[in-house]
C-alpha atoms as a PDB file:
ATOM      1  CA  MET A   1       8.154  -8.602  -7.513  1.00  0.00           C
ATOM      2  CA  SER A   2       7.001  -5.077  -8.399  1.00  0.00           C
ATOM      3  CA  THR A   3       5.541  -2.939  -5.590  1.00  0.00           C
ATOM      4  CA  ILE A   4       4.003  -0.307  -7.913  1.00  0.00           C
ATOM      5  CA  PRO A   5       2.024   1.868  -7.047  1.00  0.00           C
ATOM      6  CA  TYR A   6       3.343   1.601  -3.465  1.00  0.00           C
ATOM      7  CA  THR A   7       6.625   2.464  -1.846  1.00  0.00           C
ATOM      8  CA  ARG A   8       8.585  -0.470  -0.449  1.00  0.00           C
ATOM      9  CA  GLU A   9       7.504   0.492   3.089  1.00  0.00           C
ATOM     10  CA  GLN A  10       3.829   0.619   2.114  1.00  0.00           C
ATOM     11  CA  TRP A  11       4.080  -2.695   0.284  1.00  0.00           C
ATOM     12  CA  ASN A  12       5.653  -4.382   3.300  1.00  0.00           C
ATOM     13  CA  HIS A  13       2.800  -3.166   5.494  1.00  0.00           C
ATOM     14  CA  LEU A  14       0.198  -4.406   3.026  1.00  0.00           C
ATOM     15  CA  ILE A  15       1.519  -7.928   2.506  1.00  0.00           C
ATOM     16  CA  ARG A  16       2.234  -8.865   6.107  1.00  0.00           C
ATOM     17  CA  GLN A  17      -0.283 -10.509   8.418  1.00  0.00           C
ATOM     18  CA  GLY A  18      -1.052  -9.009  11.793  1.00  0.00           C
ATOM     19  CA  ASP A  19      -0.855  -5.377  12.852  1.00  0.00           C
ATOM     20  CA  PRO A  20       2.437  -3.604  12.108  1.00  0.00           C
ATOM     21  CA  GLU A  21       1.544  -1.072  14.798  1.00  0.00           C
ATOM     22  CA  ALA A  22       1.364  -3.719  17.525  1.00  0.00           C
ATOM     23  CA  GLY A  23       3.568  -2.764  20.429  1.00  0.00           C
ATOM     24  CA  HIS A  24       3.196   0.953  19.740  1.00  0.00           C
ATOM     25  CA  ALA A  25       0.082   1.753  21.767  1.00  0.00           C
ATOM     26  CA  LEU A  26      -0.160   5.305  23.070  1.00  0.00           C
ATOM     27  CA  GLY A  27       0.738   5.858  26.695  1.00  0.00           C
ATOM     28  CA  GLY A  28      -0.939   8.178  29.147  1.00  0.00           C
ATOM     29  CA  ASP A  29      -4.322   8.333  30.824  1.00  0.00           C
ATOM     30  CA  LEU A  30      -7.407  10.399  30.044  1.00  0.00           C
ATOM     31  CA  ALA A  31      -6.253  13.286  32.200  1.00  0.00           C
ATOM     32  CA  ALA A  32      -3.003  13.519  30.251  1.00  0.00           C
ATOM     33  CA  TRP A  33      -4.728  13.275  26.886  1.00  0.00           C
ATOM     34  CA  ARG A  34      -7.619  15.667  27.448  1.00  0.00           C
ATOM     35  CA  PRO A  35      -5.642  18.909  26.886  1.00  0.00           C
ATOM     36  CA  LYS A  36      -4.077  17.419  23.757  1.00  0.00           C
ATOM     37  CA  VAL A  37      -7.458  16.411  22.367  1.00  0.00           C
ATOM     38  CA  GLU A  38      -8.880  19.821  23.267  1.00  0.00           C
ATOM     39  CA  ARG A  39      -6.082  21.500  21.287  1.00  0.00           C
ATOM     40  CA  ILE A  40      -6.656  19.221  18.319  1.00  0.00           C
ATOM     41  CA  CYS A  41     -10.357  20.091  18.247  1.00  0.00           C
ATOM     42  CA  ALA A  42      -9.784  23.814  18.842  1.00  0.00           C
ATOM     43  CA  SER A  43      -7.454  23.974  15.844  1.00  0.00           C
ATOM     44  CA  HIS A  44     -10.473  23.063  13.699  1.00  0.00           C
ATOM     45  CA  GLY A  45     -12.980  25.297  15.476  1.00  0.00           C
ATOM     46  CA  LEU A  46     -14.448  22.416  17.474  1.00  0.00           C
ATOM     47  CA  SER A  47     -14.705  21.887  21.226  1.00  0.00           C
ATOM     48  CA  LEU A  48     -15.141  19.004  23.626  1.00  0.00           C
ATOM     49  CA  ASP A  49     -18.444  18.884  25.434  1.00  0.00           C
ATOM     50  CA  GLY A  50     -18.386  17.337  28.882  1.00  0.00           C
ATOM     51  CA  GLU A  51     -16.583  14.263  30.104  1.00  0.00           C
ATOM     52  CA  MET A  52     -14.084  12.546  27.817  1.00  0.00           C
ATOM     53  CA  GLN A  53     -13.832   8.752  27.715  1.00  0.00           C
ATOM     54  CA  TRP A  54     -12.166   5.968  25.773  1.00  0.00           C
ATOM     55  CA  ARG A  55     -14.294   4.221  23.218  1.00  0.00           C
ATOM     56  CA  SER A  56     -15.155   0.900  24.806  1.00  0.00           C
ATOM     57  CA  GLY A  57     -15.494  -2.349  22.929  1.00  0.00           C
ATOM     58  CA  ALA A  58     -13.596  -5.607  22.839  1.00  0.00           C
ATOM     59  CA  ALA A  59     -10.973  -3.778  24.884  1.00  0.00           C
ATOM     60  CA  VAL A  60     -11.103  -0.395  26.581  1.00  0.00           C
ATOM     61  CA  ARG A  61      -7.783   0.624  25.059  1.00  0.00           C
ATOM     62  CA  CYS A  62      -6.683  -0.112  21.501  1.00  0.00           C
ATOM     63  CA  ILE A  63      -3.526   0.578  19.539  1.00  0.00           C
ATOM     64  CA  SER A  64      -4.963   3.756  18.007  1.00  0.00           C
ATOM     65  CA  PRO A  65      -7.390   4.967  20.678  1.00  0.00           C
ATOM     66  CA  VAL A  66     -10.611   6.837  20.088  1.00  0.00           C
ATOM     67  CA  PHE A  67     -11.607   9.556  22.550  1.00  0.00           C
ATOM     68  CA  LEU A  68     -15.304  10.350  22.933  1.00  0.00           C
ATOM     69  CA  SER A  69     -16.798  13.597  24.169  1.00  0.00           C
ATOM     70  CA  GLY A  70     -20.225  14.992  23.390  1.00  0.00           C
ATOM     71  CA  ASP A  71     -20.887  14.615  19.665  1.00  0.00           C
ATOM     72  CA  LEU A  72     -17.225  14.087  18.745  1.00  0.00           C
ATOM     73  CA  ALA A  73     -15.023  11.026  18.316  1.00  0.00           C
ATOM     74  CA  VAL A  74     -11.281  11.719  18.007  1.00  0.00           C
ATOM     75  CA  LYS A  75      -9.022   8.920  16.804  1.00  0.00           C
ATOM     76  CA  VAL A  76      -5.279   9.292  17.353  1.00  0.00           C
ATOM     77  CA  TYR A  77      -2.930   6.997  15.450  1.00  0.00           C
ATOM     78  CA  ALA A  78      -0.303   5.451  17.698  1.00  0.00           C
ATOM     79  CA  ARG A  79       2.398   6.222  15.158  1.00  0.00           C
ATOM     80  CA  ARG A  80       2.698   7.667  11.674  1.00  0.00           C
ATOM     81  CA  SER A  81       1.167   5.151   9.294  1.00  0.00           C
ATOM     82  CA  PRO A  82       2.573   4.745   5.795  1.00  0.00           C
ATOM     83  CA  ILE A  83      -0.780   3.821   4.290  1.00  0.00           C
ATOM     84  CA  TRP A  84      -3.686   3.129   6.668  1.00  0.00           C
ATOM     85  CA  PHE A  85      -4.246   6.729   7.772  1.00  0.00           C
ATOM     86  CA  ARG A  86      -4.575   7.998   4.180  1.00  0.00           C
ATOM     87  CA  ARG A  87      -6.939   5.174   3.358  1.00  0.00           C
ATOM     88  CA  GLU A  88      -9.163   5.815   6.354  1.00  0.00           C
ATOM     89  CA  VAL A  89      -9.404   9.525   5.533  1.00  0.00           C
ATOM     90  CA  GLU A  90     -10.226   8.861   1.906  1.00  0.00           C
ATOM     91  CA  SER A  91     -12.795   6.168   2.713  1.00  0.00           C
ATOM     92  CA  LEU A  92     -14.608   8.290   5.282  1.00  0.00           C
ATOM     93  CA  ARG A  93     -14.801  11.137   2.774  1.00  0.00           C
ATOM     94  CA  VAL A  94     -16.331   8.917   0.097  1.00  0.00           C
ATOM     95  CA  LEU A  95     -18.702   7.164   2.497  1.00  0.00           C
ATOM     96  CA  GLY A  96     -19.948  10.515   3.756  1.00  0.00           C
ATOM     97  CA  ASN A  97     -22.115  10.434   0.634  1.00  0.00           C
ATOM     98  CA  VAL A  98     -23.431   6.927   1.373  1.00  0.00           C
ATOM     99  CA  PRO A  99     -25.697   7.176   4.441  1.00  0.00           C
ATOM    100  CA  GLU A 100     -26.741   3.530   4.085  1.00  0.00           C
ATOM    101  CA  ALA A 101     -23.172   2.500   4.961  1.00  0.00           C
ATOM    102  CA  LYS A 102     -23.695   4.074   8.419  1.00  0.00           C
ATOM    103  CA  THR A 103     -20.113   5.297   8.849  1.00  0.00           C
ATOM    104  CA  PRO A 104     -19.337   8.474  10.819  1.00  0.00           C
ATOM    105  CA  ARG A 105     -18.932  11.796   9.040  1.00  0.00           C
ATOM    106  CA  LEU A 106     -15.339  12.974   8.861  1.00  0.00           C
ATOM    107  CA  LEU A 107     -15.194  16.472  10.374  1.00  0.00           C
ATOM    108  CA  ALA A 108     -11.447  17.140  10.277  1.00  0.00           C
ATOM    109  CA  TYR A 109      -8.071  15.424  10.236  1.00  0.00           C
ATOM    110  CA  GLY A 110      -4.390  16.226  10.514  1.00  0.00           C
ATOM    111  CA  ASP A 111      -0.959  14.702   9.993  1.00  0.00           C
ATOM    112  CA  ALA A 112       0.221  15.499  13.541  1.00  0.00           C
ATOM    113  CA  ILE A 113      -1.421  16.451  16.819  1.00  0.00           C
ATOM    114  CA  SER A 114       1.126  19.277  17.291  1.00  0.00           C
ATOM    115  CA  GLU A 115       4.508  20.514  16.121  1.00  0.00           C
ATOM    116  CA  GLU A 116       6.018  19.125  19.321  1.00  0.00           C
ATOM    117  CA  ASP A 117       4.384  15.729  18.732  1.00  0.00           C
ATOM    118  CA  PRO A 118       4.600  15.093  14.973  1.00  0.00           C
ATOM    119  CA  ASP A 119       4.242  11.321  14.958  1.00  0.00           C
ATOM    120  CA  HIS A 120       0.514  10.948  15.621  1.00  0.00           C
ATOM    121  CA  PRO A 121      -1.993  11.666  12.830  1.00  0.00           C
ATOM    122  CA  TYR A 122      -5.612  12.079  13.932  1.00  0.00           C
ATOM    123  CA  LEU A 123      -9.213  12.033  12.751  1.00  0.00           C
ATOM    124  CA  ILE A 124     -12.142  13.998  14.153  1.00  0.00           C
ATOM    125  CA  MET A 125     -15.473  12.346  13.395  1.00  0.00           C
ATOM    126  CA  GLU A 126     -19.052  12.597  14.475  1.00  0.00           C
ATOM    127  CA  ARG A 127     -19.841  10.331  17.391  1.00  0.00           C
ATOM    128  CA  LEU A 128     -22.353   7.667  16.414  1.00  0.00           C
ATOM    129  CA  THR A 129     -24.990   6.427  18.817  1.00  0.00           C
ATOM    130  CA  GLY A 130     -25.343   2.844  19.969  1.00  0.00           C
ATOM    131  CA  LYS A 131     -23.314   0.088  21.595  1.00  0.00           C
ATOM    132  CA  SER A 132     -21.255  -2.683  20.059  1.00  0.00           C
ATOM    133  CA  TYR A 133     -23.135  -5.614  18.561  1.00  0.00           C
ATOM    134  CA  GLY A 134     -20.657  -7.799  20.430  1.00  0.00           C
ATOM    135  CA  ASN A 135     -21.968  -6.542  23.765  1.00  0.00           C
ATOM    136  CA  HIS A 136     -25.543  -7.607  22.988  1.00  0.00           C
ATOM    137  CA  ARG A 137     -25.462 -10.544  20.575  1.00  0.00           C
ATOM    138  CA  ASP A 138     -25.717 -13.144  23.361  1.00  0.00           C
ATOM    139  CA  HIS A 139     -28.872 -11.505  24.718  1.00  0.00           C
ATOM    140  CA  LEU A 140     -30.925 -11.299  21.512  1.00  0.00           C
ATOM    141  CA  SER A 141     -33.858 -13.523  20.626  1.00  0.00           C
ATOM    142  CA  LEU A 142     -33.572 -15.525  17.400  1.00  0.00           C
ATOM    143  CA  GLU A 143     -35.931 -13.109  15.683  1.00  0.00           C
ATOM    144  CA  GLU A 144     -33.946 -10.081  16.884  1.00  0.00           C
ATOM    145  CA  GLY A 145     -30.696 -11.677  15.771  1.00  0.00           C
ATOM    146  CA  TRP A 146     -32.000 -12.435  12.287  1.00  0.00           C
ATOM    147  CA  ALA A 147     -33.450  -8.941  11.928  1.00  0.00           C
ATOM    148  CA  LEU A 148     -30.107  -7.374  12.834  1.00  0.00           C
ATOM    149  CA  VAL A 149     -28.245  -9.664  10.448  1.00  0.00           C
ATOM    150  CA  ALA A 150     -30.494  -8.473   7.609  1.00  0.00           C
ATOM    151  CA  GLN A 151     -29.739  -4.860   8.524  1.00  0.00           C
ATOM    152  CA  ILE A 152     -26.008  -5.600   8.692  1.00  0.00           C
ATOM    153  CA  ALA A 153     -26.268  -7.116   5.213  1.00  0.00           C
ATOM    154  CA  ALA A 154     -27.883  -3.933   3.841  1.00  0.00           C
ATOM    155  CA  MET A 155     -25.172  -1.812   5.489  1.00  0.00           C
ATOM    156  CA  VAL A 156     -22.348  -3.956   4.107  1.00  0.00           C
ATOM    157  CA  ARG A 157     -23.885  -4.059   0.635  1.00  0.00           C
ATOM    158  CA  ALA A 158     -24.003  -0.244   0.599  1.00  0.00           C
ATOM    159  CA  LEU A 159     -20.309  -0.177   1.518  1.00  0.00           C
ATOM    160  CA  HIS A 160     -19.456  -2.632  -1.254  1.00  0.00           C
ATOM    161  CA  GLU A 161     -21.462  -0.725  -3.863  1.00  0.00           C
ATOM    162  CA  THR A 162     -19.626   2.533  -3.198  1.00  0.00           C
ATOM    163  CA  PRO A 163     -17.722   3.646  -6.317  1.00  0.00           C
ATOM    164  CA  THR A 164     -13.963   3.119  -6.009  1.00  0.00           C
ATOM    165  CA  GLU A 165     -12.710   4.644  -9.248  1.00  0.00           C
ATOM    166  CA  GLY A 166     -11.634   7.933  -7.658  1.00  0.00           C
ATOM    167  CA  LEU A 167      -9.769   6.444  -4.694  1.00  0.00           C
ATOM    168  CA  GLN A 168      -6.074   7.355  -4.781  1.00  0.00           C
ATOM    169  CA  SER A 169      -4.519   5.470  -1.862  1.00  0.00           C
ATOM    170  CA  PHE A 170      -5.506   1.994  -3.007  1.00  0.00           C
ATOM    171  CA  GLY A 171      -4.199  -0.386  -5.642  1.00  0.00           C
ATOM    172  CA  ARG A 172      -4.794  -0.020  -9.334  1.00  0.00           C
ATOM    173  CA  GLY A 173      -6.838  -3.126  -9.968  1.00  0.00           C
ATOM    174  CA  PRO A 174      -7.157  -6.898  -9.685  1.00  0.00           C
ATOM    175  CA  GLU A 175      -3.631  -7.579 -10.935  1.00  0.00           C
ATOM    176  CA  GLU A 176      -2.160  -5.717  -7.966  1.00  0.00           C
ATOM    177  CA  TRP A 177      -4.406  -7.683  -5.558  1.00  0.00           C
ATOM    178  CA  VAL A 178      -3.191 -10.997  -6.961  1.00  0.00           C
ATOM    179  CA  ARG A 179       0.437  -9.907  -6.545  1.00  0.00           C
ATOM    180  CA  ARG A 180      -0.234  -8.932  -2.930  1.00  0.00           C
ATOM    181  CA  MET A 181      -1.818 -12.263  -2.047  1.00  0.00           C
ATOM    182  CA  GLN A 182       1.063 -14.118  -3.688  1.00  0.00           C
ATOM    183  CA  ALA A 183       3.557 -12.010  -1.725  1.00  0.00           C
ATOM    184  CA  ARG A 184       1.640 -12.628   1.514  1.00  0.00           C
ATOM    185  CA  ALA A 185       1.578 -16.351   0.871  1.00  0.00           C
ATOM    186  CA  ALA A 186       5.342 -16.278   0.376  1.00  0.00           C
ATOM    187  CA  ARG A 187       5.700 -14.850   3.920  1.00  0.00           C
ATOM    188  CA  TRP A 188       3.590 -17.497   5.628  1.00  0.00           C
ATOM    189  CA  GLU A 189       6.484 -18.999   7.593  1.00  0.00           C
ATOM    190  CA  GLU A 190       7.297 -15.597   9.080  1.00  0.00           C
ATOM    191  CA  ASP A 191       3.778 -14.314   9.791  1.00  0.00           C
ATOM    192  CA  LEU A 192       1.458 -17.321  10.023  1.00  0.00           C
ATOM    193  CA  ALA A 193       3.533 -20.274  11.184  1.00  0.00           C
ATOM    194  CA  PRO A 194       4.122 -18.932  14.729  1.00  0.00           C
ATOM    195  CA  GLN A 195       0.337 -18.925  15.259  1.00  0.00           C
ATOM    196  CA  LEU A 196      -0.142 -22.573  14.266  1.00  0.00           C
ATOM    197  CA  PRO A 197       0.627 -25.869  15.993  1.00  0.00           C
ATOM    198  CA  PRO A 198       3.392 -27.731  14.150  1.00  0.00           C
ATOM    199  CA  TYR A 199       1.096 -30.366  12.635  1.00  0.00           C
ATOM    200  CA  LEU A 200      -1.012 -27.651  10.943  1.00  0.00           C
ATOM    201  CA  ALA A 201       1.972 -25.553   9.875  1.00  0.00           C
ATOM    202  CA  ALA A 202       3.346 -28.617   8.080  1.00  0.00           C
ATOM    203  CA  GLN A 203       0.200 -28.712   5.924  1.00  0.00           C
ATOM    204  CA  VAL A 204       0.296 -25.076   4.830  1.00  0.00           C
ATOM    205  CA  PRO A 205       2.668 -25.361   1.825  1.00  0.00           C
ATOM    206  CA  GLU A 206       0.526 -27.995   0.117  1.00  0.00           C
ATOM    207  CA  PHE A 207      -2.676 -26.071   0.888  1.00  0.00           C
ATOM    208  CA  LEU A 208      -1.261 -22.864  -0.605  1.00  0.00           C
ATOM    209  CA  ALA A 209       0.020 -24.668  -3.694  1.00  0.00           C
ATOM    210  CA  GLU A 210      -3.432 -26.135  -4.339  1.00  0.00           C
ATOM    211  CA  ASN A 211      -5.520 -23.046  -3.607  1.00  0.00           C
ATOM    212  CA  LEU A 212      -3.489 -19.917  -4.406  1.00  0.00           C
ATOM    213  CA  PRO A 213      -4.062 -20.340  -8.190  1.00  0.00           C
ATOM    214  CA  PHE A 214      -7.774 -19.683  -7.534  1.00  0.00           C
ATOM    215  CA  VAL A 215      -6.971 -16.076  -6.585  1.00  0.00           C
ATOM    216  CA  THR A 216      -7.270 -14.527 -10.032  1.00  0.00           C
ATOM    217  CA  GLU A 217      -7.981 -11.144 -11.581  1.00  0.00           C
ATOM    218  CA  ALA A 218     -11.559 -12.178 -12.380  1.00  0.00           C
ATOM    219  CA  PHE A 219     -13.371 -10.048  -9.802  1.00  0.00           C
ATOM    220  CA  HIS A 220     -15.022  -6.647  -9.453  1.00  0.00           C
ATOM    221  CA  PRO A 221     -13.082  -4.565  -6.896  1.00  0.00           C
ATOM    222  CA  CYS A 222     -15.198  -3.273  -4.033  1.00  0.00           C
ATOM    223  CA  LEU A 223     -14.573  -1.096  -0.988  1.00  0.00           C
ATOM    224  CA  MET A 224     -14.360  -3.287   2.126  1.00  0.00           C
ATOM    225  CA  SER A 225     -13.924  -2.837   5.851  1.00  0.00           C
ATOM    226  CA  ALA A 226     -11.583  -5.873   5.679  1.00  0.00           C
ATOM    227  CA  ASP A 227     -11.898  -6.406   9.436  1.00  0.00           C
ATOM    228  CA  LEU A 228     -15.617  -6.087  10.117  1.00  0.00           C
ATOM    229  CA  HIS A 229     -16.234  -7.723  13.483  1.00  0.00           C
ATOM    230  CA  ALA A 230     -18.744  -7.503  16.297  1.00  0.00           C
ATOM    231  CA  TRP A 231     -17.094  -4.496  17.974  1.00  0.00           C
ATOM    232  CA  GLN A 232     -17.261  -2.314  14.877  1.00  0.00           C
ATOM    233  CA  ILE A 233     -21.015  -2.698  14.396  1.00  0.00           C
ATOM    234  CA  LEU A 234     -23.155  -0.441  16.587  1.00  0.00           C
ATOM    235  CA  ILE A 235     -26.759  -1.226  17.513  1.00  0.00           C
ATOM    236  CA  GLU A 236     -29.381   0.496  19.630  1.00  0.00           C
ATOM    237  CA  ARG A 237     -33.031   0.280  20.603  1.00  0.00           C
ATOM    238  CA  GLN A 238     -35.286   2.421  18.409  1.00  0.00           C
ATOM    239  CA  SER A 239     -39.059   2.364  18.958  1.00  0.00           C
ATOM    240  CA  GLY A 240     -38.757  -0.897  20.870  1.00  0.00           C
ATOM    241  CA  GLU A 241     -36.685  -2.702  18.231  1.00  0.00           C
ATOM    242  CA  TRP A 242     -32.968  -3.301  17.791  1.00  0.00           C
ATOM    243  CA  ARG A 243     -31.527  -1.342  14.877  1.00  0.00           C
ATOM    244  CA  VAL A 244     -28.044  -1.124  13.390  1.00  0.00           C
ATOM    245  CA  SER A 245     -26.920   2.436  14.109  1.00  0.00           C
ATOM    246  CA  GLY A 246     -23.338   2.559  12.872  1.00  0.00           C
ATOM    247  CA  HIS A 247     -20.192   1.050  11.413  1.00  0.00           C
ATOM    248  CA  ILE A 248     -17.006   2.368  12.990  1.00  0.00           C
ATOM    249  CA  ASP A 249     -13.248   1.976  12.461  1.00  0.00           C
ATOM    250  CA  LEU A 250     -12.110   1.869   8.840  1.00  0.00           C
ATOM    251  CA  GLY A 251      -8.475   1.639   9.828  1.00  0.00           C
ATOM    252  CA  ASP A 252      -7.972  -1.579   7.822  1.00  0.00           C
ATOM    253  CA  VAL A 253     -10.055  -0.705   4.769  1.00  0.00           C
ATOM    254  CA  GLU A 254      -9.244  -2.369   1.437  1.00  0.00           C
ATOM    255  CA  VAL A 255     -10.377  -2.448  -2.184  1.00  0.00           C
ATOM    256  CA  GLY A 256     -10.502  -6.038  -3.409  1.00  0.00           C
ATOM    257  CA  PRO A 257     -12.695  -9.113  -4.002  1.00  0.00           C
ATOM    258  CA  VAL A 258     -15.809  -9.399  -1.886  1.00  0.00           C
ATOM    259  CA  GLU A 259     -14.794 -12.840  -0.536  1.00  0.00           C
ATOM    260  CA  TYR A 260     -12.032 -11.175   1.500  1.00  0.00           C
ATOM    261  CA  GLU A 261     -14.698  -9.400   3.593  1.00  0.00           C
ATOM    262  CA  TRP A 262     -16.386 -12.579   4.749  1.00  0.00           C
ATOM    263  CA  PRO A 263     -13.844 -14.326   7.058  1.00  0.00           C
ATOM    264  CA  PRO A 264     -13.811 -11.671   9.824  1.00  0.00           C
ATOM    265  CA  LEU A 265     -17.529 -10.921   9.510  1.00  0.00           C
ATOM    266  CA  CYS A 266     -18.609 -14.549   9.574  1.00  0.00           C
ATOM    267  CA  HIS A 267     -16.171 -15.716  12.238  1.00  0.00           C
ATOM    268  CA  LYS A 268     -15.623 -12.661  14.447  1.00  0.00           C
ATOM    269  CA  ALA A 269     -19.110 -11.115  14.272  1.00  0.00           C
ATOM    270  CA  PHE A 270     -21.265 -14.204  13.674  1.00  0.00           C
ATOM    271  CA  ARG A 271     -18.792 -16.626  15.342  1.00  0.00           C
ATOM    272  CA  GLY A 272     -19.200 -19.182  12.573  1.00  0.00           C
ATOM    273  CA  ASP A 273     -22.919 -19.682  13.255  1.00  0.00           C
ATOM    274  CA  GLU A 274     -24.195 -21.329  10.073  1.00  0.00           C
ATOM    275  CA  THR A 275     -27.748 -20.040  10.533  1.00  0.00           C
ATOM    276  CA  LEU A 276     -26.592 -16.429  10.873  1.00  0.00           C
ATOM    277  CA  MET A 277     -24.178 -16.797   7.974  1.00  0.00           C
ATOM    278  CA  ARG A 278     -26.902 -18.133   5.712  1.00  0.00           C
ATOM    279  CA  ALA A 279     -29.336 -15.423   6.844  1.00  0.00           C
ATOM    280  CA  PHE A 280     -26.719 -12.767   6.131  1.00  0.00           C
ATOM    281  CA  PHE A 281     -25.895 -14.009   2.630  1.00  0.00           C
ATOM    282  CA  ALA A 282     -29.597 -14.386   1.777  1.00  0.00           C
ATOM    283  CA  ALA A 283     -30.225 -10.758   2.805  1.00  0.00           C
ATOM    284  CA  TYR A 284     -27.045  -9.557   1.071  1.00  0.00           C
ATOM    285  CA  GLY A 285     -27.992 -11.338  -2.156  1.00  0.00           C
ATOM    286  CA  TRP A 286     -25.033 -13.721  -2.346  1.00  0.00           C
ATOM    287  CA  PRO A 287     -26.148 -17.035  -3.924  1.00  0.00           C
ATOM    288  CA  LEU A 288     -25.773 -20.221  -1.888  1.00  0.00           C
ATOM    289  CA  PRO A 289     -24.391 -22.822  -2.023  1.00  0.00           C
ATOM    290  CA  VAL A 290     -21.143 -21.242  -3.154  1.00  0.00           C
ATOM    291  CA  PRO A 291     -19.353 -22.747  -6.180  1.00  0.00           C
ATOM    292  CA  PRO A 292     -16.210 -24.840  -5.540  1.00  0.00           C
ATOM    293  CA  ASP A 293     -13.817 -22.087  -6.671  1.00  0.00           C
ATOM    294  CA  VAL A 294     -15.451 -19.578  -4.309  1.00  0.00           C
ATOM    295  CA  LYS A 295     -15.226 -22.081  -1.444  1.00  0.00           C
ATOM    296  CA  ARG A 296     -11.509 -22.455  -2.139  1.00  0.00           C
ATOM    297  CA  ARG A 297     -10.991 -18.688  -1.963  1.00  0.00           C
ATOM    298  CA  LEU A 298     -13.013 -18.390   1.251  1.00  0.00           C
ATOM    299  CA  LYS A 299     -10.805 -21.004   2.890  1.00  0.00           C
ATOM    300  CA  LEU A 300      -7.645 -19.430   1.490  1.00  0.00           C
ATOM    301  CA  TYR A 301      -8.589 -15.932   2.695  1.00  0.00           C
ATOM    302  CA  THR A 302      -9.387 -17.358   6.125  1.00  0.00           C
ATOM    303  CA  LEU A 303      -5.758 -18.470   6.248  1.00  0.00           C
ATOM    304  CA  LEU A 304      -4.183 -15.485   4.439  1.00  0.00           C
ATOM    305  CA  HIS A 305      -6.337 -12.701   5.853  1.00  0.00           C
ATOM    306  CA  ARG A 306      -4.417  -9.898   7.496  1.00  0.00           C
ATOM    307  CA  PHE A 307      -6.137 -10.970  10.727  1.00  0.00           C
ATOM    308  CA  PRO A 308      -6.775 -14.688  10.065  1.00  0.00           C
ATOM    309  CA  PRO A 309      -9.780 -16.082  11.999  1.00  0.00           C
ATOM    310  CA  LEU A 310      -8.633 -19.683  11.657  1.00  0.00           C
ATOM    311  CA  GLY A 311     -10.429 -22.250  13.774  1.00  0.00           C
ATOM    312  CA  ALA A 312      -8.465 -23.624  16.681  1.00  0.00           C
ATOM    313  CA  GLU A 313      -8.905 -27.378  16.488  1.00  0.00           C
ATOM    314  CA  GLY A 314      -9.292 -30.153  13.944  1.00  0.00           C
ATOM    315  CA  PRO A 315      -7.556 -33.210  12.527  1.00  0.00           C
ATOM    316  CA  SER A 316      -6.232 -31.272   9.526  1.00  0.00           C
ATOM    317  CA  LEU A 317      -6.037 -27.788   8.074  1.00  0.00           C
ATOM    318  CA  GLU A 318      -8.518 -28.742   5.340  1.00  0.00           C
ATOM    319  CA  ALA A 319     -10.960 -30.151   7.905  1.00  0.00           C
ATOM    320  CA  ILE A 320     -10.807 -27.001  10.042  1.00  0.00           C
ATOM    321  CA  LEU A 321     -11.437 -24.725   7.071  1.00  0.00           C
ATOM    322  CA  ASP A 322     -14.204 -26.946   5.693  1.00  0.00           C
ATOM    323  CA  ALA A 323     -15.962 -26.791   9.063  1.00  0.00           C
ATOM    324  CA  GLN A 324     -15.697 -22.989   9.055  1.00  0.00           C
ATOM    325  CA  TRP A 325     -17.464 -22.702   5.689  1.00  0.00           C
ATOM    326  CA  PRO A 326     -20.531 -24.987   5.742  1.00  0.00           C
ATOM    327  CA  ILE A 327     -22.164 -22.994   2.943  1.00  0.00           C
END
């Protein structure tokens, strides 16, 4: 199978499930990293202001940590990335002209934090205000939750409507997307099977054979977060009301069919809540109920997503996926 326009290394990163950087988290504490981050900022005429901290969220530390100080957020990649770093830089540049997408402005970036430490690319961004939606979603009233979902829908729609024609680090169109999904499906025993109980793994080949043909070139490519979950959406109180204040971390960004965006958003941010899902799609402008072919792709992408949010229990794979998409 052709890997054009990617190198073989890039292609292998794109088709596999999970994070290829897993196991390569940066070592060291804040005290050890502060002088390095100060040097990074100083090389671009910027300076840290006050205490430096890790960005908190689902976990205090992540594979590619983000350091916060004053108005700056500095992300350091745990290792040189063959594709994700270029994509994040390019996406942040483009989205700097789309304020409705609520992403941070890219202030500077570099391929290495120093000549002595050449393996860690970095980004310097503006620090957005607010706390993770995941920290507050259990403490919202129904009305507050619905209002935030409508704002999230407007933010995501702005992301998806961003022109993609000038992007250089992404694929060349729907044909390339179809090839990638076919290549990912071919790896399911290596990437997906270890995550499944044996009785579900045994059902995967038949499910793929029935549903993979519904991934076709008949879609309009859009710019996607591709892993939009509760810890990447920032909210804050403004004039007594909860408002969406930011969308952070484009380290997994993709250009592809809009259905690929929905599994992590619906099941990691909204936790499969049918009411929130329906409120989101109504605000986004996505017609419900979805046609049968769309339902098939939603279920397939839940299984073949780079970070698959597959439900944990059920009598069959089909039953689990049906329950996850009651729309």
